[in-house]
C-alpha atoms as a PDB file:
ATOM      1  CA  UNK A   1     -23.189 -60.613 -74.070  1.00  0.00           C
ATOM      2  CA  UNK A   2     -26.464 -61.273 -75.863  1.00  0.00           C
ATOM      3  CA  UNK A   3     -26.940 -61.490 -79.615  1.00  0.00           C
ATOM      4  CA  UNK A   4     -29.860 -59.676 -81.238  1.00  0.00           C
ATOM      5  CA  UNK A   5     -30.577 -60.923 -84.757  1.00  0.00           C
ATOM      6  CA  UNK A   6     -31.779 -58.449 -87.385  1.00  0.00           C
ATOM      7  CA  UNK A   7     -34.932 -59.418 -89.272  1.00  0.00           C
ATOM      8  CA  UNK A   8     -35.707 -56.743 -91.859  1.00  0.00           C
ATOM      9  CA  UNK A   9     -39.127 -57.279 -93.412  1.00  0.00           C
ATOM     10  CA  UNK A  10     -38.292 -54.651 -96.027  1.00  0.00           C
ATOM     11  CA  UNK A  11     -37.532 -54.424 -99.742  1.00  0.00           C
ATOM     12  CA  UNK A  12     -34.809 -51.788 -99.270  1.00  0.00           C
ATOM     13  CA  UNK A  13     -32.650 -52.273 -96.171  1.00  0.00           C
ATOM     14  CA  UNK A  14     -28.965 -51.691 -96.899  1.00  0.00           C
ATOM     15  CA  UNK A  15     -27.584 -55.175 -96.163  1.00  0.00           C
ATOM     16  CA  UNK A  16     -30.457 -57.585 -96.720  1.00  0.00           C
ATOM     17  CA  UNK A  17     -33.327 -55.633 -98.301  1.00  0.00           C
ATOM     18  CA  UNK A  18     -35.753 -57.919-100.096  1.00  0.00           C
ATOM     19  CA  UNK A  19     -34.281 -61.158 -98.761  1.00  0.00           C
ATOM     20  CA  UNK A  20     -36.986 -61.664 -96.117  1.00  0.00           C
ATOM     21  CA  UNK A  21     -39.655 -59.320 -97.430  1.00  0.00           C
ATOM     22  CA  UNK A  22     -42.320 -62.016 -97.873  1.00  0.00           C
ATOM     23  CA  UNK A  23     -43.990 -62.974 -94.595  1.00  0.00           C
ATOM     24  CA  UNK A  24     -43.172 -66.695 -94.957  1.00  0.00           C
ATOM     25  CA  UNK A  25     -39.489 -65.945 -95.765  1.00  0.00           C
ATOM     26  CA  UNK A  26     -39.238 -63.626 -92.770  1.00  0.00           C
ATOM     27  CA  UNK A  27     -40.671 -66.258 -90.429  1.00  0.00           C
ATOM     28  CA  UNK A  28     -38.367 -68.943 -91.859  1.00  0.00           C
ATOM     29  CA  UNK A  29     -35.338 -66.695 -91.377  1.00  0.00           C
ATOM     30  CA  UNK A  30     -36.435 -65.955 -87.811  1.00  0.00           C
ATOM     31  CA  UNK A  31     -36.643 -69.693 -87.083  1.00  0.00           C
ATOM     32  CA  UNK A  32     -33.160 -70.170 -88.593  1.00  0.00           C
ATOM     33  CA  UNK A  33     -31.792 -67.496 -86.247  1.00  0.00           C
ATOM     34  CA  UNK A  34     -33.355 -69.309 -83.288  1.00  0.00           C
ATOM     35  CA  UNK A  35     -31.597 -72.496 -84.456  1.00  0.00           C
ATOM     36  CA  UNK A  36     -28.333 -70.528 -84.651  1.00  0.00           C
ATOM     37  CA  UNK A  37     -28.625 -69.509 -80.992  1.00  0.00           C
ATOM     38  CA  UNK A  38     -29.987 -65.951 -81.172  1.00  0.00           C
ATOM     39  CA  UNK A  39     -31.207 -64.397 -77.898  1.00  0.00           C
ATOM     40  CA  UNK A  40     -33.449 -61.673 -79.332  1.00  0.00           C
ATOM     41  CA  UNK A  41     -34.965 -61.115 -82.784  1.00  0.00           C
ATOM     42  CA  UNK A  42     -35.334 -57.486 -83.831  1.00  0.00           C
ATOM     43  CA  UNK A  43     -38.131 -57.206 -86.390  1.00  0.00           C
ATOM     44  CA  UNK A  44     -38.219 -54.047 -88.523  1.00  0.00           C
ATOM     45  CA  UNK A  45     -40.534 -52.977 -91.329  1.00  0.00           C
ATOM     46  CA  UNK A  46     -39.016 -49.626 -92.270  1.00  0.00           C
ATOM     47  CA  UNK A  47     -35.508 -49.182 -93.662  1.00  0.00           C
ATOM     48  CA  UNK A  48     -33.280 -46.660 -91.875  1.00  0.00           C
ATOM     49  CA  UNK A  49     -30.374 -46.910 -94.333  1.00  0.00           C
ATOM     50  CA  UNK A  50     -28.858 -43.533 -95.308  1.00  0.00           C
ATOM     51  CA  UNK A  51     -31.120 -41.758 -97.798  1.00  0.00           C
ATOM     52  CA  UNK A  52     -34.165 -43.974 -97.188  1.00  0.00           C
ATOM     53  CA  UNK A  53     -37.665 -42.539 -97.574  1.00  0.00           C
ATOM     54  CA  UNK A  54     -40.259 -43.171 -94.889  1.00  0.00           C
ATOM     55  CA  UNK A  55     -43.218 -45.489 -95.417  1.00  0.00           C
ATOM     56  CA  UNK A  56     -46.744 -45.227 -93.985  1.00  0.00           C
ATOM     57  CA  UNK A  57     -47.531 -46.704 -90.583  1.00  0.00           C
ATOM     58  CA  UNK A  58     -50.117 -48.997 -92.216  1.00  0.00           C
ATOM     59  CA  UNK A  59     -47.444 -50.462 -94.515  1.00  0.00           C
ATOM     60  CA  UNK A  60     -44.974 -50.842 -91.650  1.00  0.00           C
ATOM     61  CA  UNK A  61     -47.520 -52.644 -89.477  1.00  0.00           C
ATOM     62  CA  UNK A  62     -48.699 -54.926 -92.289  1.00  0.00           C
ATOM     63  CA  UNK A  63     -45.080 -56.060 -92.714  1.00  0.00           C
ATOM     64  CA  UNK A  64     -44.135 -56.707 -89.096  1.00  0.00           C
ATOM     65  CA  UNK A  65     -47.179 -57.666 -87.001  1.00  0.00           C
ATOM     66  CA  UNK A  66     -47.892 -61.107 -88.599  1.00  0.00           C
ATOM     67  CA  UNK A  67     -44.176 -62.007 -88.355  1.00  0.00           C
ATOM     68  CA  UNK A  68     -43.971 -60.990 -84.677  1.00  0.00           C
ATOM     69  CA  UNK A  69     -47.136 -62.896 -83.853  1.00  0.00           C
ATOM     70  CA  UNK A  70     -45.751 -66.073 -85.412  1.00  0.00           C
ATOM     71  CA  UNK A  71     -42.235 -65.882 -83.966  1.00  0.00           C
ATOM     72  CA  UNK A  72     -43.503 -64.966 -80.481  1.00  0.00           C
ATOM     73  CA  UNK A  73     -45.175 -68.395 -80.367  1.00  0.00           C
ATOM     74  CA  UNK A  74     -41.674 -69.931 -80.378  1.00  0.00           C
ATOM     75  CA  UNK A  75     -40.840 -68.319 -77.059  1.00  0.00           C
ATOM     76  CA  UNK A  76     -37.970 -66.173 -78.345  1.00  0.00           C
ATOM     77  CA  UNK A  77     -37.596 -62.575 -77.125  1.00  0.00           C
ATOM     78  CA  UNK A  78     -38.882 -60.214 -79.815  1.00  0.00           C
ATOM     79  CA  UNK A  79     -37.891 -56.593 -80.298  1.00  0.00           C
ATOM     80  CA  UNK A  80     -39.770 -54.225 -82.623  1.00  0.00           C
ATOM     81  CA  UNK A  81     -37.562 -51.827 -84.563  1.00  0.00           C
ATOM     82  CA  UNK A  82     -39.813 -48.799 -85.004  1.00  0.00           C
ATOM     83  CA  UNK A  83     -39.968 -45.024 -84.551  1.00  0.00           C
ATOM     84  CA  UNK A  84     -43.766 -45.023 -84.279  1.00  0.00           C
ATOM     85  CA  UNK A  85     -45.715 -45.332 -81.036  1.00  0.00           C
ATOM     86  CA  UNK A  86     -48.711 -46.926 -82.802  1.00  0.00           C
ATOM     87  CA  UNK A  87     -46.516 -49.662 -84.292  1.00  0.00           C
ATOM     88  CA  UNK A  88     -44.774 -50.179 -80.950  1.00  0.00           C
ATOM     89  CA  UNK A  89     -48.116 -50.706 -79.207  1.00  0.00           C
ATOM     90  CA  UNK A  90     -49.424 -53.196 -81.781  1.00  0.00           C
ATOM     91  CA  UNK A  91     -46.103 -55.069 -81.786  1.00  0.00           C
ATOM     92  CA  UNK A  92     -46.065 -55.470 -78.004  1.00  0.00           C
ATOM     93  CA  UNK A  93     -49.676 -56.651 -78.126  1.00  0.00           C
ATOM     94  CA  UNK A  94     -48.575 -59.201 -80.774  1.00  0.00           C
ATOM     95  CA  UNK A  95     -45.774 -60.551 -78.556  1.00  0.00           C
ATOM     96  CA  UNK A  96     -42.776 -58.172 -78.667  1.00  0.00           C
ATOM     97  CA  UNK A  97     -41.242 -57.223 -75.311  1.00  0.00           C
ATOM     98  CA  UNK A  98     -38.671 -54.608 -76.430  1.00  0.00           C
ATOM     99  CA  UNK A  99     -39.225 -51.422 -78.443  1.00  0.00           C
ATOM    100  CA  UNK A 100     -36.060 -50.527 -80.371  1.00  0.00           C
ATOM    101  CA  UNK A 101     -36.448 -46.879 -81.377  1.00  0.00           C
ATOM    102  CA  UNK A 102     -33.582 -45.584 -83.531  1.00  0.00           C
ATOM    103  CA  UNK A 103     -34.848 -42.034 -83.033  1.00  0.00           C
ATOM    104  CA  UNK A 104     -34.572 -42.260 -79.242  1.00  0.00           C
ATOM    105  CA  UNK A 105     -38.091 -40.873 -78.887  1.00  0.00           C
ATOM    106  CA  UNK A 106     -37.450 -37.866 -81.131  1.00  0.00           C
ATOM    107  CA  UNK A 107     -39.495 -38.987 -84.169  1.00  0.00           C
ATOM    108  CA  UNK A 108     -42.832 -39.491 -82.401  1.00  0.00           C
ATOM    109  CA  UNK A 109     -44.004 -37.285 -79.495  1.00  0.00           C
ATOM    110  CA  UNK A 110     -46.187 -40.144 -78.225  1.00  0.00           C
ATOM    111  CA  UNK A 111     -43.403 -42.724 -78.001  1.00  0.00           C
ATOM    112  CA  UNK A 112     -42.273 -42.198 -74.414  1.00  0.00           C
ATOM    113  CA  UNK A 113     -45.780 -42.089 -72.937  1.00  0.00           C
ATOM    114  CA  UNK A 114     -46.758 -45.182 -74.962  1.00  0.00           C
ATOM    115  CA  UNK A 115     -43.702 -47.146 -73.787  1.00  0.00           C
ATOM    116  CA  UNK A 116     -44.359 -46.058 -70.193  1.00  0.00           C
ATOM    117  CA  UNK A 117     -47.920 -47.354 -70.525  1.00  0.00           C
ATOM    118  CA  UNK A 118     -46.802 -50.632 -72.114  1.00  0.00           C
ATOM    119  CA  UNK A 119     -44.199 -51.200 -69.378  1.00  0.00           C
ATOM    120  CA  UNK A 120     -41.841 -52.901 -71.840  1.00  0.00           C
ATOM    121  CA  UNK A 121     -38.094 -52.575 -72.391  1.00  0.00           C
ATOM    122  CA  UNK A 122     -37.065 -49.608 -74.529  1.00  0.00           C
ATOM    123  CA  UNK A 123     -33.903 -49.090 -76.563  1.00  0.00           C
ATOM    124  CA  UNK A 124     -33.071 -45.407 -76.850  1.00  0.00           C
ATOM    125  CA  UNK A 125     -30.596 -44.693 -79.630  1.00  0.00           C
ATOM    126  CA  UNK A 126     -28.597 -41.557 -80.415  1.00  0.00           C
ATOM    127  CA  UNK A 127     -30.188 -39.872 -83.431  1.00  0.00           C
ATOM    128  CA  UNK A 128     -29.917 -36.537 -85.186  1.00  0.00           C
ATOM    129  CA  UNK A 129     -32.624 -36.858 -87.809  1.00  0.00           C
ATOM    130  CA  UNK A 130     -34.210 -39.088 -90.406  1.00  0.00           C
ATOM    131  CA  UNK A 131     -32.185 -41.202 -92.846  1.00  0.00           C
ATOM    132  CA  UNK A 132     -32.870 -38.840 -95.739  1.00  0.00           C
ATOM    133  CA  UNK A 133     -30.389 -36.250 -94.520  1.00  0.00           C
ATOM    134  CA  UNK A 134     -28.662 -37.690 -91.437  1.00  0.00           C
ATOM    135  CA  UNK A 135     -25.217 -37.859 -93.077  1.00  0.00           C
ATOM    136  CA  UNK A 136     -25.149 -34.058 -93.303  1.00  0.00           C
ATOM    137  CA  UNK A 137     -25.433 -33.942 -89.514  1.00  0.00           C
ATOM    138  CA  UNK A 138     -22.226 -35.901 -88.818  1.00  0.00           C
ATOM    139  CA  UNK A 139     -20.426 -32.882 -87.355  1.00  0.00           C
ATOM    140  CA  UNK A 140     -18.833 -33.165 -83.907  1.00  0.00           C
ATOM    141  CA  UNK A 141     -16.103 -31.644 -81.803  1.00  0.00           C
ATOM    142  CA  UNK A 142     -15.900 -34.546 -79.340  1.00  0.00           C
ATOM    143  CA  UNK A 143     -18.233 -37.219 -80.707  1.00  0.00           C
ATOM    144  CA  UNK A 144     -18.462 -39.264 -77.501  1.00  0.00           C
ATOM    145  CA  UNK A 145     -19.122 -36.280 -75.232  1.00  0.00           C
ATOM    146  CA  UNK A 146     -21.749 -34.887 -77.611  1.00  0.00           C
ATOM    147  CA  UNK A 147     -23.504 -38.220 -78.157  1.00  0.00           C
ATOM    148  CA  UNK A 148     -23.685 -38.761 -74.383  1.00  0.00           C
ATOM    149  CA  UNK A 149     -25.015 -35.236 -73.894  1.00  0.00           C
ATOM    150  CA  UNK A 150     -27.711 -35.675 -76.561  1.00  0.00           C
ATOM    151  CA  UNK A 151     -28.694 -39.153 -75.351  1.00  0.00           C
ATOM    152  CA  UNK A 152     -28.967 -37.824 -71.781  1.00  0.00           C
ATOM    153  CA  UNK A 153     -31.457 -35.166 -72.913  1.00  0.00           C
ATOM    154  CA  UNK A 154     -33.709 -37.881 -74.386  1.00  0.00           C
ATOM    155  CA  UNK A 155     -33.190 -40.067 -71.319  1.00  0.00           C
ATOM    156  CA  UNK A 156     -34.424 -37.299 -69.063  1.00  0.00           C
ATOM    157  CA  UNK A 157     -37.542 -36.903 -71.232  1.00  0.00           C
ATOM    158  CA  UNK A 158     -38.193 -40.659 -71.187  1.00  0.00           C
ATOM    159  CA  UNK A 159     -37.890 -40.844 -67.403  1.00  0.00           C
ATOM    160  CA  UNK A 160     -40.095 -37.750 -66.994  1.00  0.00           C
ATOM    161  CA  UNK A 161     -42.753 -39.450 -69.177  1.00  0.00           C
ATOM    162  CA  UNK A 162     -42.799 -42.436 -66.839  1.00  0.00           C
ATOM    163  CA  UNK A 163     -40.510 -44.908 -68.606  1.00  0.00           C
ATOM    164  CA  UNK A 164     -38.887 -46.927 -65.820  1.00  0.00           C
ATOM    165  CA  UNK A 165     -35.115 -46.578 -65.548  1.00  0.00           C
ATOM    166  CA  UNK A 166     -34.675 -50.372 -65.366  1.00  0.00           C
ATOM    167  CA  UNK A 167     -36.478 -50.745 -68.719  1.00  0.00           C
ATOM    168  CA  UNK A 168     -34.100 -48.490 -70.677  1.00  0.00           C
ATOM    169  CA  UNK A 169     -31.289 -49.740 -72.947  1.00  0.00           C
ATOM    170  CA  UNK A 170     -28.898 -47.260 -74.595  1.00  0.00           C
ATOM    171  CA  UNK A 171     -27.528 -47.443 -78.135  1.00  0.00           C
ATOM    172  CA  UNK A 172     -24.836 -44.936 -79.248  1.00  0.00           C
ATOM    173  CA  UNK A 173     -26.147 -45.162 -82.836  1.00  0.00           C
ATOM    174  CA  UNK A 174     -23.183 -46.461 -84.838  1.00  0.00           C
ATOM    175  CA  UNK A 175     -23.549 -45.249 -88.439  1.00  0.00           C
ATOM    176  CA  UNK A 176     -26.364 -42.813 -87.689  1.00  0.00           C
ATOM    177  CA  UNK A 177     -25.205 -39.226 -88.395  1.00  0.00           C
ATOM    178  CA  UNK A 178     -21.630 -40.444 -87.874  1.00  0.00           C
ATOM    179  CA  UNK A 179     -18.758 -41.016 -90.280  1.00  0.00           C
ATOM    180  CA  UNK A 180     -16.192 -43.840 -90.036  1.00  0.00           C
ATOM    181  CA  UNK A 181     -13.911 -41.890 -87.734  1.00  0.00           C
ATOM    182  CA  UNK A 182     -16.811 -41.110 -85.372  1.00  0.00           C
ATOM    183  CA  UNK A 183     -17.914 -44.750 -85.301  1.00  0.00           C
ATOM    184  CA  UNK A 184     -14.436 -46.005 -84.376  1.00  0.00           C
ATOM    185  CA  UNK A 185     -14.097 -43.307 -81.709  1.00  0.00           C
ATOM    186  CA  UNK A 186     -17.400 -44.400 -80.141  1.00  0.00           C
ATOM    187  CA  UNK A 187     -16.304 -48.061 -80.157  1.00  0.00           C
ATOM    188  CA  UNK A 188     -12.857 -47.220 -78.746  1.00  0.00           C
ATOM    189  CA  UNK A 189     -14.415 -45.252 -75.897  1.00  0.00           C
ATOM    190  CA  UNK A 190     -17.405 -47.507 -75.303  1.00  0.00           C
ATOM    191  CA  UNK A 191     -16.580 -47.672 -71.584  1.00  0.00           C
ATOM    192  CA  UNK A 192     -17.858 -44.081 -71.304  1.00  0.00           C
ATOM    193  CA  UNK A 193     -21.323 -45.232 -72.428  1.00  0.00           C
ATOM    194  CA  UNK A 194     -21.258 -48.286 -70.183  1.00  0.00           C
ATOM    195  CA  UNK A 195     -20.392 -45.953 -67.281  1.00  0.00           C
ATOM    196  CA  UNK A 196     -23.808 -44.278 -67.653  1.00  0.00           C
ATOM    197  CA  UNK A 197     -25.206 -47.335 -65.875  1.00  0.00           C
ATOM    198  CA  UNK A 198     -27.649 -48.624 -68.502  1.00  0.00           C
ATOM    199  CA  UNK A 199     -27.460 -51.783 -70.630  1.00  0.00           C
ATOM    200  CA  UNK A 200     -25.727 -50.868 -73.918  1.00  0.00           C
ATOM    201  CA  UNK A 201     -26.673 -52.212 -77.354  1.00  0.00           C
ATOM    202  CA  UNK A 202     -24.198 -51.956 -80.247  1.00  0.00           C
ATOM    203  CA  UNK A 203     -25.414 -52.096 -83.874  1.00  0.00           C
ATOM    204  CA  UNK A 204     -22.261 -52.220 -86.007  1.00  0.00           C
ATOM    205  CA  UNK A 205     -23.213 -55.079 -88.312  1.00  0.00           C
ATOM    206  CA  UNK A 206     -22.042 -54.813 -91.943  1.00  0.00           C
ATOM    207  CA  UNK A 207     -21.971 -51.013 -91.849  1.00  0.00           C
ATOM    208  CA  UNK A 208     -19.896 -49.006 -94.292  1.00  0.00           C
ATOM    209  CA  UNK A 209     -17.202 -47.948 -91.804  1.00  0.00           C
ATOM    210  CA  UNK A 210     -16.057 -51.594 -91.627  1.00  0.00           C
ATOM    211  CA  UNK A 211     -14.735 -51.378 -95.218  1.00  0.00           C
ATOM    212  CA  UNK A 212     -15.599 -53.489 -98.269  1.00  0.00           C
ATOM    213  CA  UNK A 213     -17.702 -52.388-101.217  1.00  0.00           C
ATOM    214  CA  UNK A 214     -20.678 -54.597-100.413  1.00  0.00           C
ATOM    215  CA  UNK A 215     -22.291 -55.294 -97.000  1.00  0.00           C
ATOM    216  CA  UNK A 216     -21.684 -59.039 -97.444  1.00  0.00           C
ATOM    217  CA  UNK A 217     -17.940 -58.346 -97.516  1.00  0.00           C
ATOM    218  CA  UNK A 218     -18.111 -56.881 -94.009  1.00  0.00           C
ATOM    219  CA  UNK A 219     -19.168 -59.980 -92.086  1.00  0.00           C
ATOM    220  CA  UNK A 220     -15.634 -60.858 -90.968  1.00  0.00           C
ATOM    221  CA  UNK A 221     -15.060 -57.320 -89.689  1.00  0.00           C
ATOM    222  CA  UNK A 222     -18.463 -57.418 -87.974  1.00  0.00           C
ATOM    223  CA  UNK A 223     -17.506 -60.575 -86.089  1.00  0.00           C
ATOM    224  CA  UNK A 224     -14.115 -59.054 -85.168  1.00  0.00           C
ATOM    225  CA  UNK A 225     -15.845 -56.010 -83.620  1.00  0.00           C
ATOM    226  CA  UNK A 226     -18.262 -58.298 -81.737  1.00  0.00           C
ATOM    227  CA  UNK A 227     -15.271 -60.200 -80.369  1.00  0.00           C
ATOM    228  CA  UNK A 228     -13.551 -56.954 -79.347  1.00  0.00           C
ATOM    229  CA  UNK A 229     -16.604 -55.992 -77.248  1.00  0.00           C
ATOM    230  CA  UNK A 230     -16.574 -59.174 -75.158  1.00  0.00           C
ATOM    231  CA  UNK A 231     -15.818 -58.370 -71.523  1.00  0.00           C
ATOM    232  CA  UNK A 232     -16.528 -54.642 -71.906  1.00  0.00           C
ATOM    233  CA  UNK A 233     -19.899 -54.683 -70.164  1.00  0.00           C
ATOM    234  CA  UNK A 234     -21.974 -54.570 -73.358  1.00  0.00           C
ATOM    235  CA  UNK A 235     -25.516 -55.929 -72.996  1.00  0.00           C
ATOM    236  CA  UNK A 236     -25.991 -57.049 -76.621  1.00  0.00           C
ATOM    237  CA  UNK A 237     -24.824 -56.732 -80.223  1.00  0.00           C
ATOM    238  CA  UNK A 238     -27.324 -56.350 -83.061  1.00  0.00           C
ATOM    239  CA  UNK A 239     -26.210 -58.368 -86.102  1.00  0.00           C
ATOM    240  CA  UNK A 240     -27.262 -59.866 -89.442  1.00  0.00           C
ATOM    241  CA  UNK A 241     -25.174 -63.053 -89.322  1.00  0.00           C
ATOM    242  CA  UNK A 242     -26.164 -64.813 -86.110  1.00  0.00           C
ATOM    243  CA  UNK A 243     -24.099 -67.999 -86.010  1.00  0.00           C
ATOM    244  CA  UNK A 244     -20.568 -66.498 -86.208  1.00  0.00           C
ATOM    245  CA  UNK A 245     -21.460 -63.624 -83.897  1.00  0.00           C
ATOM    246  CA  UNK A 246     -22.986 -65.960 -81.302  1.00  0.00           C
ATOM    247  CA  UNK A 247     -19.717 -67.888 -81.333  1.00  0.00           C
ATOM    248  CA  UNK A 248     -17.705 -64.654 -80.928  1.00  0.00           C
ATOM    249  CA  UNK A 249     -19.969 -63.299 -78.188  1.00  0.00           C
ATOM    250  CA  UNK A 250     -19.696 -66.518 -76.170  1.00  0.00           C
ATOM    251  CA  UNK A 251     -15.917 -66.806 -76.560  1.00  0.00           C
END
């Protein structure tokens, strides 16, 4: 199981907003993650925490492109965390090889055709709307069945737009339009996602459903979930704290 390290070049992300907002700090943190054994670095310039407002594409690109360019020189696999096709294109040109789209292609009508053209890997996540109001959409009968159904709709669109099947990674979207109960249900039935036949990415790191008042208090629970996923056919976990999760993922 691979470990994807989160590098938020933002002032307002829920767990580490502002910590790596300056370009030099972001690059330094990226290099530290490489030292700690990370397989992929996921660079994001726009916060998707619950309630977050969107920023302009110019601002997003100014934050992430210089960081990607610098880290790509180190030979590490870079993923761009974006919902915008224009940012995805610039990021891949700067050295990223994975587009991690939390909207699963729903936020930008040009995303699928752009990814198909770029020929890069694409992470398609389950999503029901922007951060501003996503918590109101956490209503399910059978969360796993409905998430699979909704992800499959986006998958079909991606494939129809020319995205190659072998380039697609699925993410059930832990914490996105889901409450604690939904998140645990998804994790407990993760084999149903794996059975779809795509690599599966899990982004559980430091999220509210793990307990604790502050994100920093959730690192132990994050590592425990990572450990519980070992041997279940998961492609990668997306985490803030690389070192402990690398150890858990390799155990």
